[in-house]
C-alpha cells in the first residue's frame, strides 16, 4: 500500500486530497481484512 501511494504521488496527476483518500482507503481495506486483488472461489462462498 505504501508503494502504491508513493507511485501515485510521483505521477503528480492527483491532488493531495485524492492521495490521502486513496491511502486511507488502502489502509481501511487492510484493517478490514479485505484483498480486492483476489477472486473468491464459489466453493469457499458456499462453505
ModelCIF file with pLDDT and N, C-alpha, C, O atoms, coordinates in Angstrom:
data_MODEL
#
_entry.id   MODEL 
#
_entity.id                         1 
_entity.type                       polymer 
_entity.pdbx_number_of_molecules   1 
#
_entity_poly.entity_id                      1 
_entity_poly.type                           'polypeptide(L)' 
_entity_poly.nstd_linkage                   no 
_entity_poly.nstd_monomer                   no 
_entity_poly.pdbx_seq_one_letter_code       
;(UNK)(UNK)(UNK)(UNK)(UNK)(UNK)(UNK)(UNK)(UNK)(UNK)(UNK)(UNK)(UNK)(UNK)(UNK)(UNK)
(UNK)(UNK)(UNK)(UNK)(UNK)(UNK)(UNK)(UNK)(UNK)(UNK)(UNK)(UNK)(UNK)(UNK)(UNK)(UNK)
(UNK)(UNK)(UNK)(UNK)(UNK)(UNK)(UNK)(UNK)(UNK)(UNK)(UNK)(UNK)(UNK)(UNK)(UNK)
;
_entity_poly.pdbx_seq_one_letter_code_can   XXXXXXXXXXXXXXXXXXXXXXXXXXXXXXXXXXXXXXXXXXXXXXX 
_entity_poly.pdbx_strand_id                 A 
#
loop_
_entity_poly_seq.entity_id 
_entity_poly_seq.num 
_entity_poly_seq.mon_id 
_entity_poly_seq.hetero 
1 1  UNK n 
1 2  UNK n 
1 3  UNK n 
1 4  UNK n 
1 5  UNK n 
1 6  UNK n 
1 7  UNK n 
1 8  UNK n 
1 9  UNK n 
1 10 UNK n 
1 11 UNK n 
1 12 UNK n 
1 13 UNK n 
1 14 UNK n 
1 15 UNK n 
1 16 UNK n 
1 17 UNK n 
1 18 UNK n 
1 19 UNK n 
1 20 UNK n 
1 21 UNK n 
1 22 UNK n 
1 23 UNK n 
1 24 UNK n 
1 25 UNK n 
1 26 UNK n 
1 27 UNK n 
1 28 UNK n 
1 29 UNK n 
1 30 UNK n 
1 31 UNK n 
1 32 UNK n 
1 33 UNK n 
1 34 UNK n 
1 35 UNK n 
1 36 UNK n 
1 37 UNK n 
1 38 UNK n 
1 39 UNK n 
1 40 UNK n 
1 41 UNK n 
1 42 UNK n 
1 43 UNK n 
1 44 UNK n 
1 45 UNK n 
1 46 UNK n 
1 47 UNK n 
#
_struct_asym.id          A 
_struct_asym.entity_id   1 
#
loop_
_ma_qa_metric.id 
_ma_qa_metric.mode 
_ma_qa_metric.name 
_ma_qa_metric.software_group_id 
_ma_qa_metric.type 
1 global pLDDT . pLDDT 
2 local  pLDDT . pLDDT 
#
_ma_qa_metric_global.metric_id      1 
_ma_qa_metric_global.metric_value   71.77 
_ma_qa_metric_global.model_id       1 
_ma_qa_metric_global.ordinal_id     1 
#
loop_
_ma_qa_metric_local.label_asym_id 
_ma_qa_metric_local.label_comp_id 
_ma_qa_metric_local.label_seq_id 
_ma_qa_metric_local.metric_id 
_ma_qa_metric_local.metric_value 
_ma_qa_metric_local.model_id 
_ma_qa_metric_local.ordinal_id 
A UNK 1  2 85.00 1 1  
A UNK 2  2 86.00 1 2  
A UNK 3  2 85.00 1 3  
A UNK 4  2 84.00 1 4  
A UNK 5  2 84.00 1 5  
A UNK 6  2 84.00 1 6  
A UNK 7  2 82.00 1 7  
A UNK 8  2 80.00 1 8  
A UNK 9  2 83.00 1 9  
A UNK 10 2 81.00 1 10 
A UNK 11 2 76.00 1 11 
A UNK 12 2 67.00 1 12 
A UNK 13 2 68.00 1 13 
A UNK 14 2 68.00 1 14 
A UNK 15 2 73.00 1 15 
A UNK 16 2 77.00 1 16 
A UNK 17 2 71.00 1 17 
A UNK 18 2 73.00 1 18 
A UNK 19 2 78.00 1 19 
A UNK 20 2 78.00 1 20 
A UNK 21 2 74.00 1 21 
A UNK 22 2 76.00 1 22 
A UNK 23 2 79.00 1 23 
A UNK 24 2 77.00 1 24 
A UNK 25 2 74.00 1 25 
A UNK 26 2 77.00 1 26 
A UNK 27 2 78.00 1 27 
A UNK 28 2 72.00 1 28 
A UNK 29 2 71.00 1 29 
A UNK 30 2 75.00 1 30 
A UNK 31 2 70.00 1 31 
A UNK 32 2 63.00 1 32 
A UNK 33 2 62.00 1 33 
A UNK 34 2 54.00 1 34 
A UNK 35 2 49.00 1 35 
A UNK 36 2 45.00 1 36 
A UNK 37 2 47.00 1 37 
A UNK 38 2 52.00 1 38 
A UNK 39 2 58.00 1 39 
A UNK 40 2 66.00 1 40 
A UNK 41 2 72.00 1 41 
A UNK 42 2 71.00 1 42 
A UNK 43 2 70.00 1 43 
A UNK 44 2 68.00 1 44 
A UNK 45 2 68.00 1 45 
A UNK 46 2 72.00 1 46 
A UNK 47 2 70.00 1 47 
#
loop_
_atom_site.group_PDB 
_atom_site.id 
_atom_site.type_symbol 
_atom_site.label_atom_id 
_atom_site.label_alt_id 
_atom_site.label_comp_id 
_atom_site.label_asym_id 
_atom_site.label_entity_id 
_atom_site.label_seq_id 
_atom_site.pdbx_PDB_ins_code 
_atom_site.Cartn_x 
_atom_site.Cartn_y 
_atom_site.Cartn_z 
_atom_site.occupancy 
_atom_site.B_iso_or_equiv 
_atom_site.pdbx_formal_charge 
_atom_site.auth_seq_id 
_atom_site.auth_comp_id 
_atom_site.auth_asym_id 
_atom_site.auth_atom_id 
_atom_site.pdbx_PDB_model_num 
ATOM 1   N N  . UNK A 1 1  ? 0.839   -1.207  0.000   1.00 85.00 ? 1  UNK A N  1 
ATOM 2   C CA . UNK A 1 1  ? 0.000   0.000   0.000   1.00 85.00 ? 1  UNK A CA 1 
ATOM 3   C C  . UNK A 1 1  ? 0.871   1.253   0.000   1.00 85.00 ? 1  UNK A C  1 
ATOM 4   O O  . UNK A 1 1  ? 0.565   2.228   -0.686  1.00 85.00 ? 1  UNK A O  1 
ATOM 5   N N  . UNK A 1 2  ? 1.958   1.222   0.773   1.00 86.00 ? 2  UNK A N  1 
ATOM 6   C CA . UNK A 1 2  ? 2.874   2.352   0.786   1.00 86.00 ? 2  UNK A CA 1 
ATOM 7   C C  . UNK A 1 2  ? 3.524   2.572   -0.571  1.00 86.00 ? 2  UNK A C  1 
ATOM 8   O O  . UNK A 1 2  ? 3.689   3.707   -1.017  1.00 86.00 ? 2  UNK A O  1 
ATOM 9   N N  . UNK A 1 3  ? 3.891   1.480   -1.219  1.00 85.00 ? 3  UNK A N  1 
ATOM 10  C CA . UNK A 1 3  ? 4.498   1.590   -2.551  1.00 85.00 ? 3  UNK A CA 1 
ATOM 11  C C  . UNK A 1 3  ? 3.521   2.193   -3.551  1.00 85.00 ? 3  UNK A C  1 
ATOM 12  O O  . UNK A 1 3  ? 3.896   3.038   -4.363  1.00 85.00 ? 3  UNK A O  1 
ATOM 13  N N  . UNK A 1 4  ? 2.263   1.754   -3.488  1.00 84.00 ? 4  UNK A N  1 
ATOM 14  C CA . UNK A 1 4  ? 1.257   2.298   -4.410  1.00 84.00 ? 4  UNK A CA 1 
ATOM 15  C C  . UNK A 1 4  ? 1.040   3.786   -4.167  1.00 84.00 ? 4  UNK A C  1 
ATOM 16  O O  . UNK A 1 4  ? 0.850   4.558   -5.106  1.00 84.00 ? 4  UNK A O  1 
ATOM 17  N N  . UNK A 1 5  ? 1.069   4.182   -2.884  1.00 84.00 ? 5  UNK A N  1 
ATOM 18  C CA . UNK A 1 5  ? 0.898   5.600   -2.565  1.00 84.00 ? 5  UNK A CA 1 
ATOM 19  C C  . UNK A 1 5  ? 2.068   6.420   -3.101  1.00 84.00 ? 5  UNK A C  1 
ATOM 20  O O  . UNK A 1 5  ? 1.868   7.504   -3.650  1.00 84.00 ? 5  UNK A O  1 
ATOM 21  N N  . UNK A 1 6  ? 3.302   5.901   -2.941  1.00 84.00 ? 6  UNK A N  1 
ATOM 22  C CA . UNK A 1 6  ? 4.481   6.602   -3.448  1.00 84.00 ? 6  UNK A CA 1 
ATOM 23  C C  . UNK A 1 6  ? 4.417   6.731   -4.964  1.00 84.00 ? 6  UNK A C  1 
ATOM 24  O O  . UNK A 1 6  ? 4.684   7.798   -5.517  1.00 84.00 ? 6  UNK A O  1 
ATOM 25  N N  . UNK A 1 7  ? 4.058   5.630   -5.636  1.00 82.00 ? 7  UNK A N  1 
ATOM 26  C CA . UNK A 1 7  ? 3.979   5.671   -7.097  1.00 82.00 ? 7  UNK A CA 1 
ATOM 27  C C  . UNK A 1 7  ? 2.922   6.650   -7.578  1.00 82.00 ? 7  UNK A C  1 
ATOM 28  O O  . UNK A 1 7  ? 3.138   7.382   -8.544  1.00 82.00 ? 7  UNK A O  1 
ATOM 29  N N  . UNK A 1 8  ? 1.772   6.664   -6.899  1.00 80.00 ? 8  UNK A N  1 
ATOM 30  C CA . UNK A 1 8  ? 0.700   7.583   -7.282  1.00 80.00 ? 8  UNK A CA 1 
ATOM 31  C C  . UNK A 1 8  ? 1.118   9.029   -7.045  1.00 80.00 ? 8  UNK A C  1 
ATOM 32  O O  . UNK A 1 8  ? 0.793   9.910   -7.841  1.00 80.00 ? 8  UNK A O  1 
ATOM 33  N N  . UNK A 1 9  ? 1.839   9.276   -5.949  1.00 83.00 ? 9  UNK A N  1 
ATOM 34  C CA . UNK A 1 9  ? 2.286   10.636  -5.647  1.00 83.00 ? 9  UNK A CA 1 
ATOM 35  C C  . UNK A 1 9  ? 3.311   11.117  -6.664  1.00 83.00 ? 9  UNK A C  1 
ATOM 36  O O  . UNK A 1 9  ? 3.320   12.294  -7.023  1.00 83.00 ? 9  UNK A O  1 
ATOM 37  N N  . UNK A 1 10 ? 4.177   10.217  -7.133  1.00 81.00 ? 10 UNK A N  1 
ATOM 38  C CA . UNK A 1 10 ? 5.206   10.588  -8.100  1.00 81.00 ? 10 UNK A CA 1 
ATOM 39  C C  . UNK A 1 10 ? 4.628   10.930  -9.468  1.00 81.00 ? 10 UNK A C  1 
ATOM 40  O O  . UNK A 1 10 ? 5.235   11.663  -10.249 1.00 81.00 ? 10 UNK A O  1 
ATOM 41  N N  . UNK A 1 11 ? 3.446   10.388  -9.744  1.00 76.00 ? 11 UNK A N  1 
ATOM 42  C CA . UNK A 1 11 ? 2.821   10.687  -11.032 1.00 76.00 ? 11 UNK A CA 1 
ATOM 43  C C  . UNK A 1 11 ? 2.328   12.128  -11.111 1.00 76.00 ? 11 UNK A C  1 
ATOM 44  O O  . UNK A 1 11 ? 2.191   12.682  -12.202 1.00 76.00 ? 11 UNK A O  1 
ATOM 45  N N  . UNK A 1 12 ? 2.066   12.729  -9.969  1.00 67.00 ? 12 UNK A N  1 
ATOM 46  C CA . UNK A 1 12 ? 1.646   14.135  -9.871  1.00 67.00 ? 12 UNK A CA 1 
ATOM 47  C C  . UNK A 1 12 ? 0.354   14.428  -10.624 1.00 67.00 ? 12 UNK A C  1 
ATOM 48  O O  . UNK A 1 12 ? 0.092   15.571  -10.996 1.00 67.00 ? 12 UNK A O  1 
ATOM 49  N N  . UNK A 1 13 ? -0.451  13.393  -10.848 1.00 68.00 ? 13 UNK A N  1 
ATOM 50  C CA . UNK A 1 13 ? -1.713  13.593  -11.564 1.00 68.00 ? 13 UNK A CA 1 
ATOM 51  C C  . UNK A 1 13 ? -2.872  13.809  -10.613 1.00 68.00 ? 13 UNK A C  1 
ATOM 52  O O  . UNK A 1 13 ? -3.918  14.323  -11.009 1.00 68.00 ? 13 UNK A O  1 
ATOM 53  N N  . UNK A 1 14 ? -2.692  13.416  -9.355  1.00 68.00 ? 14 UNK A N  1 
ATOM 54  C CA . UNK A 1 14 ? -3.774  13.518  -8.377  1.00 68.00 ? 14 UNK A CA 1 
ATOM 55  C C  . UNK A 1 14 ? -3.464  14.624  -7.371  1.00 68.00 ? 14 UNK A C  1 
ATOM 56  O O  . UNK A 1 14 ? -2.304  14.955  -7.125  1.00 68.00 ? 14 UNK A O  1 
ATOM 57  N N  . UNK A 1 15 ? -4.520  15.184  -6.800  1.00 73.00 ? 15 UNK A N  1 
ATOM 58  C CA . UNK A 1 15 ? -4.355  16.211  -5.773  1.00 73.00 ? 15 UNK A CA 1 
ATOM 59  C C  . UNK A 1 15 ? -3.977  15.556  -4.457  1.00 73.00 ? 15 UNK A C  1 
ATOM 60  O O  . UNK A 1 15 ? -4.114  14.343  -4.293  1.00 73.00 ? 15 UNK A O  1 
ATOM 61  N N  . UNK A 1 16 ? -3.499  16.369  -3.515  1.00 77.00 ? 16 UNK A N  1 
ATOM 62  C CA . UNK A 1 16 ? -3.134  15.856  -2.196  1.00 77.00 ? 16 UNK A CA 1 
ATOM 63  C C  . UNK A 1 16 ? -4.337  15.216  -1.514  1.00 77.00 ? 16 UNK A C  1 
ATOM 64  O O  . UNK A 1 16 ? -4.211  14.190  -0.844  1.00 77.00 ? 16 UNK A O  1 
ATOM 65  N N  . UNK A 1 17 ? -5.520  15.840  -1.693  1.00 71.00 ? 17 UNK A N  1 
ATOM 66  C CA . UNK A 1 17 ? -6.739  15.293  -1.086  1.00 71.00 ? 17 UNK A CA 1 
ATOM 67  C C  . UNK A 1 17 ? -7.052  13.907  -1.638  1.00 71.00 ? 17 UNK A C  1 
ATOM 68  O O  . UNK A 1 17 ? -7.431  13.006  -0.890  1.00 71.00 ? 17 UNK A O  1 
ATOM 69  N N  . UNK A 1 18 ? -6.889  13.738  -2.968  1.00 73.00 ? 18 UNK A N  1 
ATOM 70  C CA . UNK A 1 18 ? -7.147  12.438  -3.589  1.00 73.00 ? 18 UNK A CA 1 
ATOM 71  C C  . UNK A 1 18 ? -6.151  11.393  -3.097  1.00 73.00 ? 18 UNK A C  1 
ATOM 72  O O  . UNK A 1 18 ? -6.518  10.242  -2.859  1.00 73.00 ? 18 UNK A O  1 
ATOM 73  N N  . UNK A 1 19 ? -4.890  11.796  -2.945  1.00 78.00 ? 19 UNK A N  1 
ATOM 74  C CA . UNK A 1 19 ? -3.861  10.874  -2.460  1.00 78.00 ? 19 UNK A CA 1 
ATOM 75  C C  . UNK A 1 19 ? -4.164  10.404  -1.039  1.00 78.00 ? 19 UNK A C  1 
ATOM 76  O O  . UNK A 1 19 ? -4.022  9.225   -0.715  1.00 78.00 ? 19 UNK A O  1 
ATOM 77  N N  . UNK A 1 20 ? -4.583  11.350  -0.201  1.00 78.00 ? 20 UNK A N  1 
ATOM 78  C CA . UNK A 1 20 ? -4.912  10.997  1.182   1.00 78.00 ? 20 UNK A CA 1 
ATOM 79  C C  . UNK A 1 20 ? -6.098  10.038  1.225   1.00 78.00 ? 20 UNK A C  1 
ATOM 80  O O  . UNK A 1 20 ? -6.081  9.051   1.961   1.00 78.00 ? 20 UNK A O  1 
ATOM 81  N N  . UNK A 1 21 ? -7.129  10.335  0.428   1.00 74.00 ? 21 UNK A N  1 
ATOM 82  C CA . UNK A 1 21 ? -8.310  9.461   0.390   1.00 74.00 ? 21 UNK A CA 1 
ATOM 83  C C  . UNK A 1 21 ? -7.935  8.059   -0.076  1.00 74.00 ? 21 UNK A C  1 
ATOM 84  O O  . UNK A 1 21 ? -8.392  7.066   0.489   1.00 74.00 ? 21 UNK A O  1 
ATOM 85  N N  . UNK A 1 22 ? -7.095  7.983   -1.117  1.00 76.00 ? 22 UNK A N  1 
ATOM 86  C CA . UNK A 1 22 ? -6.695  6.685   -1.655  1.00 76.00 ? 22 UNK A CA 1 
ATOM 87  C C  . UNK A 1 22 ? -5.865  5.907   -0.642  1.00 76.00 ? 22 UNK A C  1 
ATOM 88  O O  . UNK A 1 22 ? -6.058  4.703   -0.468  1.00 76.00 ? 22 UNK A O  1 
ATOM 89  N N  . UNK A 1 23 ? -4.928  6.605   0.035   1.00 79.00 ? 23 UNK A N  1 
ATOM 90  C CA . UNK A 1 23 ? -4.096  5.938   1.029   1.00 79.00 ? 23 UNK A CA 1 
ATOM 91  C C  . UNK A 1 23 ? -4.939  5.451   2.208   1.00 79.00 ? 23 UNK A C  1 
ATOM 92  O O  . UNK A 1 23 ? -4.736  4.345   2.708   1.00 79.00 ? 23 UNK A O  1 
ATOM 93  N N  . UNK A 1 24 ? -5.878  6.276   2.644   1.00 77.00 ? 24 UNK A N  1 
ATOM 94  C CA . UNK A 1 24 ? -6.752  5.904   3.754   1.00 77.00 ? 24 UNK A CA 1 
ATOM 95  C C  . UNK A 1 24 ? -7.616  4.703   3.374   1.00 77.00 ? 24 UNK A C  1 
ATOM 96  O O  . UNK A 1 24 ? -7.866  3.824   4.198   1.00 77.00 ? 24 UNK A O  1 
ATOM 97  N N  . UNK A 1 25 ? -8.072  4.672   2.117   1.00 74.00 ? 25 UNK A N  1 
ATOM 98  C CA . UNK A 1 25 ? -8.879  3.551   1.650   1.00 74.00 ? 25 UNK A CA 1 
ATOM 99  C C  . UNK A 1 25 ? -8.076  2.256   1.668   1.00 74.00 ? 25 UNK A C  1 
ATOM 100 O O  . UNK A 1 25 ? -8.600  1.209   2.048   1.00 74.00 ? 25 UNK A O  1 
ATOM 101 N N  . UNK A 1 26 ? -6.802  2.316   1.260   1.00 77.00 ? 26 UNK A N  1 
ATOM 102 C CA . UNK A 1 26 ? -5.965  1.105   1.258   1.00 77.00 ? 26 UNK A CA 1 
ATOM 103 C C  . UNK A 1 26 ? -5.755  0.599   2.677   1.00 77.00 ? 26 UNK A C  1 
ATOM 104 O O  . UNK A 1 26 ? -5.831  -0.603  2.930   1.00 77.00 ? 26 UNK A O  1 
ATOM 105 N N  . UNK A 1 27 ? -5.491  1.511   3.594   1.00 78.00 ? 27 UNK A N  1 
ATOM 106 C CA . UNK A 1 27 ? -5.295  1.104   4.990   1.00 78.00 ? 27 UNK A CA 1 
ATOM 107 C C  . UNK A 1 27 ? -6.581  0.525   5.560   1.00 78.00 ? 27 UNK A C  1 
ATOM 108 O O  . UNK A 1 27 ? -6.546  -0.453  6.308   1.00 78.00 ? 27 UNK A O  1 
ATOM 109 N N  . UNK A 1 28 ? -7.710  1.120   5.212   1.00 72.00 ? 28 UNK A N  1 
ATOM 110 C CA . UNK A 1 28 ? -9.007  0.628   5.694   1.00 72.00 ? 28 UNK A CA 1 
ATOM 111 C C  . UNK A 1 28 ? -9.244  -0.799  5.209   1.00 72.00 ? 28 UNK A C  1 
ATOM 112 O O  . UNK A 1 28 ? -9.714  -1.643  5.973   1.00 72.00 ? 28 UNK A O  1 
ATOM 113 N N  . UNK A 1 29 ? -8.923  -1.074  3.944   1.00 71.00 ? 29 UNK A N  1 
ATOM 114 C CA . UNK A 1 29 ? -9.131  -2.417  3.401   1.00 71.00 ? 29 UNK A CA 1 
ATOM 115 C C  . UNK A 1 29 ? -8.245  -3.434  4.105   1.00 71.00 ? 29 UNK A C  1 
ATOM 116 O O  . UNK A 1 29 ? -8.665  -4.567  4.343   1.00 71.00 ? 29 UNK A O  1 
ATOM 117 N N  . UNK A 1 30 ? -7.020  -3.035  4.438   1.00 75.00 ? 30 UNK A N  1 
ATOM 118 C CA . UNK A 1 30 ? -6.139  -3.944  5.169   1.00 75.00 ? 30 UNK A CA 1 
ATOM 119 C C  . UNK A 1 30 ? -6.692  -4.206  6.562   1.00 75.00 ? 30 UNK A C  1 
ATOM 120 O O  . UNK A 1 30 ? -6.703  -5.346  7.026   1.00 75.00 ? 30 UNK A O  1 
ATOM 121 N N  . UNK A 1 31 ? -7.153  -3.142  7.232   1.00 70.00 ? 31 UNK A N  1 
ATOM 122 C CA . UNK A 1 31 ? -7.716  -3.282  8.576   1.00 70.00 ? 31 UNK A CA 1 
ATOM 123 C C  . UNK A 1 31 ? -8.943  -4.187  8.569   1.00 70.00 ? 31 UNK A C  1 
ATOM 124 O O  . UNK A 1 31 ? -9.159  -4.952  9.509   1.00 70.00 ? 31 UNK A O  1 
ATOM 125 N N  . UNK A 1 32 ? -9.745  -4.104  7.514   1.00 63.00 ? 32 UNK A N  1 
ATOM 126 C CA . UNK A 1 32 ? -10.952 -4.921  7.418   1.00 63.00 ? 32 UNK A CA 1 
ATOM 127 C C  . UNK A 1 32 ? -10.650 -6.336  6.945   1.00 63.00 ? 32 UNK A C  1 
ATOM 128 O O  . UNK A 1 32 ? -11.553 -7.168  6.858   1.00 63.00 ? 32 UNK A O  1 
ATOM 129 N N  . UNK A 1 33 ? -9.384  -6.615  6.638   1.00 62.00 ? 33 UNK A N  1 
ATOM 130 C CA . UNK A 1 33 ? -9.026  -7.952  6.196   1.00 62.00 ? 33 UNK A CA 1 
ATOM 131 C C  . UNK A 1 33 ? -9.444  -8.249  4.786   1.00 62.00 ? 33 UNK A C  1 
ATOM 132 O O  . UNK A 1 33 ? -9.657  -9.409  4.433   1.00 62.00 ? 33 UNK A O  1 
ATOM 133 N N  . UNK A 1 34 ? -9.569  -7.213  3.958   1.00 54.00 ? 34 UNK A N  1 
ATOM 134 C CA . UNK A 1 34 ? -10.009 -7.406  2.587   1.00 54.00 ? 34 UNK A CA 1 
ATOM 135 C C  . UNK A 1 34 ? -8.821  -7.364  1.645   1.00 54.00 ? 34 UNK A C  1 
ATOM 136 O O  . UNK A 1 34 ? -7.823  -6.692  1.908   1.00 54.00 ? 34 UNK A O  1 
ATOM 137 N N  . UNK A 1 35 ? -8.942  -8.089  0.547   1.00 49.00 ? 35 UNK A N  1 
ATOM 138 C CA . UNK A 1 35 ? -7.945  -8.023  -0.509  1.00 49.00 ? 35 UNK A CA 1 
ATOM 139 C C  . UNK A 1 35 ? -8.694  -7.944  -1.821  1.00 49.00 ? 35 UNK A C  1 
ATOM 140 O O  . UNK A 1 35 ? -9.189  -8.953  -2.324  1.00 49.00 ? 35 UNK A O  1 
ATOM 141 N N  . UNK A 1 36 ? -8.778  -6.731  -2.385  1.00 45.00 ? 36 UNK A N  1 
ATOM 142 C CA . UNK A 1 36 ? -9.592  -6.531  -3.572  1.00 45.00 ? 36 UNK A CA 1 
ATOM 143 C C  . UNK A 1 36 ? -8.952  -7.131  -4.818  1.00 45.00 ? 36 UNK A C  1 
ATOM 144 O O  . UNK A 1 36 ? -9.575  -7.173  -5.879  1.00 45.00 ? 36 UNK A O  1 
ATOM 145 N N  . UNK A 1 37 ? -7.695  -7.601  -4.693  1.00 47.00 ? 37 UNK A N  1 
ATOM 146 C CA . UNK A 1 37 ? -6.997  -8.082  -5.881  1.00 47.00 ? 37 UNK A CA 1 
ATOM 147 C C  . UNK A 1 37 ? -7.279  -9.551  -6.156  1.00 47.00 ? 37 UNK A C  1 
ATOM 148 O O  . UNK A 1 37 ? -6.858  -10.063 -7.193  1.00 47.00 ? 37 UNK A O  1 
ATOM 149 N N  . UNK A 1 38 ? -7.976  -10.245 -5.263  1.00 52.00 ? 38 UNK A N  1 
ATOM 150 C CA . UNK A 1 38 ? -8.161  -11.682 -5.419  1.00 52.00 ? 38 UNK A CA 1 
ATOM 151 C C  . UNK A 1 38 ? -9.622  -12.042 -5.629  1.00 52.00 ? 38 UNK A C  1 
ATOM 152 O O  . UNK A 1 38 ? -10.521 -11.409 -5.074  1.00 52.00 ? 38 UNK A O  1 
ATOM 153 N N  . UNK A 1 39 ? -9.844  -13.074 -6.446  1.00 58.00 ? 39 UNK A N  1 
ATOM 154 C CA . UNK A 1 39 ? -11.178 -13.612 -6.669  1.00 58.00 ? 39 UNK A CA 1 
ATOM 155 C C  . UNK A 1 39 ? -11.458 -14.702 -5.640  1.00 58.00 ? 39 UNK A C  1 
ATOM 156 O O  . UNK A 1 39 ? -10.537 -15.360 -5.156  1.00 58.00 ? 39 UNK A O  1 
ATOM 157 N N  . UNK A 1 40 ? -12.732 -14.888 -5.311  1.00 66.00 ? 40 UNK A N  1 
ATOM 158 C CA . UNK A 1 40 ? -13.111 -15.883 -4.315  1.00 66.00 ? 40 UNK A CA 1 
ATOM 159 C C  . UNK A 1 40 ? -13.796 -17.062 -5.006  1.00 66.00 ? 40 UNK A C  1 
ATOM 160 O O  . UNK A 1 40 ? -14.795 -16.866 -5.698  1.00 66.00 ? 40 UNK A O  1 
ATOM 161 N N  . UNK A 1 41 ? -13.279 -18.286 -4.834  1.00 72.00 ? 41 UNK A N  1 
ATOM 162 C CA . UNK A 1 41 ? -13.922 -19.453 -5.447  1.00 72.00 ? 41 UNK A CA 1 
ATOM 163 C C  . UNK A 1 41 ? -15.322 -19.664 -4.880  1.00 72.00 ? 41 UNK A C  1 
ATOM 164 O O  . UNK A 1 41 ? -15.555 -19.421 -3.696  1.00 72.00 ? 41 UNK A O  1 
ATOM 165 N N  . UNK A 1 42 ? -16.248 -20.112 -5.714  1.00 71.00 ? 42 UNK A N  1 
ATOM 166 C CA . UNK A 1 42 ? -17.622 -20.303 -5.256  1.00 71.00 ? 42 UNK A CA 1 
ATOM 167 C C  . UNK A 1 42 ? -17.698 -21.352 -4.161  1.00 71.00 ? 42 UNK A C  1 
ATOM 168 O O  . UNK A 1 42 ? -18.548 -21.259 -3.275  1.00 71.00 ? 42 UNK A O  1 
ATOM 169 N N  . UNK A 1 43 ? -16.826 -22.348 -4.209  1.00 70.00 ? 43 UNK A N  1 
ATOM 170 C CA . UNK A 1 43 ? -16.850 -23.397 -3.177  1.00 70.00 ? 43 UNK A CA 1 
ATOM 171 C C  . UNK A 1 43 ? -16.595 -22.800 -1.799  1.00 70.00 ? 43 UNK A C  1 
ATOM 172 O O  . UNK A 1 43 ? -17.159 -23.247 -0.801  1.00 70.00 ? 43 UNK A O  1 
ATOM 173 N N  . UNK A 1 44 ? -15.729 -21.774 -1.756  1.00 68.00 ? 44 UNK A N  1 
ATOM 174 C CA . UNK A 1 44 ? -15.428 -21.117 -0.484  1.00 68.00 ? 44 UNK A CA 1 
ATOM 175 C C  . UNK A 1 44 ? -16.643 -20.334 0.016   1.00 68.00 ? 44 UNK A C  1 
ATOM 176 O O  . UNK A 1 44 ? -16.935 -20.318 1.212   1.00 68.00 ? 44 UNK A O  1 
ATOM 177 N N  . UNK A 1 45 ? -17.353 -19.681 -0.921  1.00 68.00 ? 45 UNK A N  1 
ATOM 178 C CA . UNK A 1 45 ? -18.541 -18.914 -0.554  1.00 68.00 ? 45 UNK A CA 1 
ATOM 179 C C  . UNK A 1 45 ? -19.647 -19.844 -0.088  1.00 68.00 ? 45 UNK A C  1 
ATOM 180 O O  . UNK A 1 45 ? -20.348 -19.543 0.878   1.00 68.00 ? 45 UNK A O  1 
ATOM 181 N N  . UNK A 1 46 ? -19.809 -20.989 -0.776  1.00 72.00 ? 46 UNK A N  1 
ATOM 182 C CA . UNK A 1 46 ? -20.845 -21.962 -0.415  1.00 72.00 ? 46 UNK A CA 1 
ATOM 183 C C  . UNK A 1 46 ? -20.595 -22.500 0.994   1.00 72.00 ? 46 UNK A C  1 
ATOM 184 O O  . UNK A 1 46 ? -21.528 -22.638 1.786   1.00 72.00 ? 46 UNK A O  1 
ATOM 185 N N  . UNK A 1 47 ? -19.326 -22.805 1.302   1.00 70.00 ? 47 UNK A N  1 
ATOM 186 C CA . UNK A 1 47 ? -18.998 -23.299 2.640   1.00 70.00 ? 47 UNK A CA 1 
ATOM 187 C C  . UNK A 1 47 ? -19.389 -22.277 3.705   1.00 70.00 ? 47 UNK A C  1 
ATOM 188 O O  . UNK A 1 47 ? -19.188 -22.518 4.896   1.00 70.00 ? 47 UNK A O  1 
#
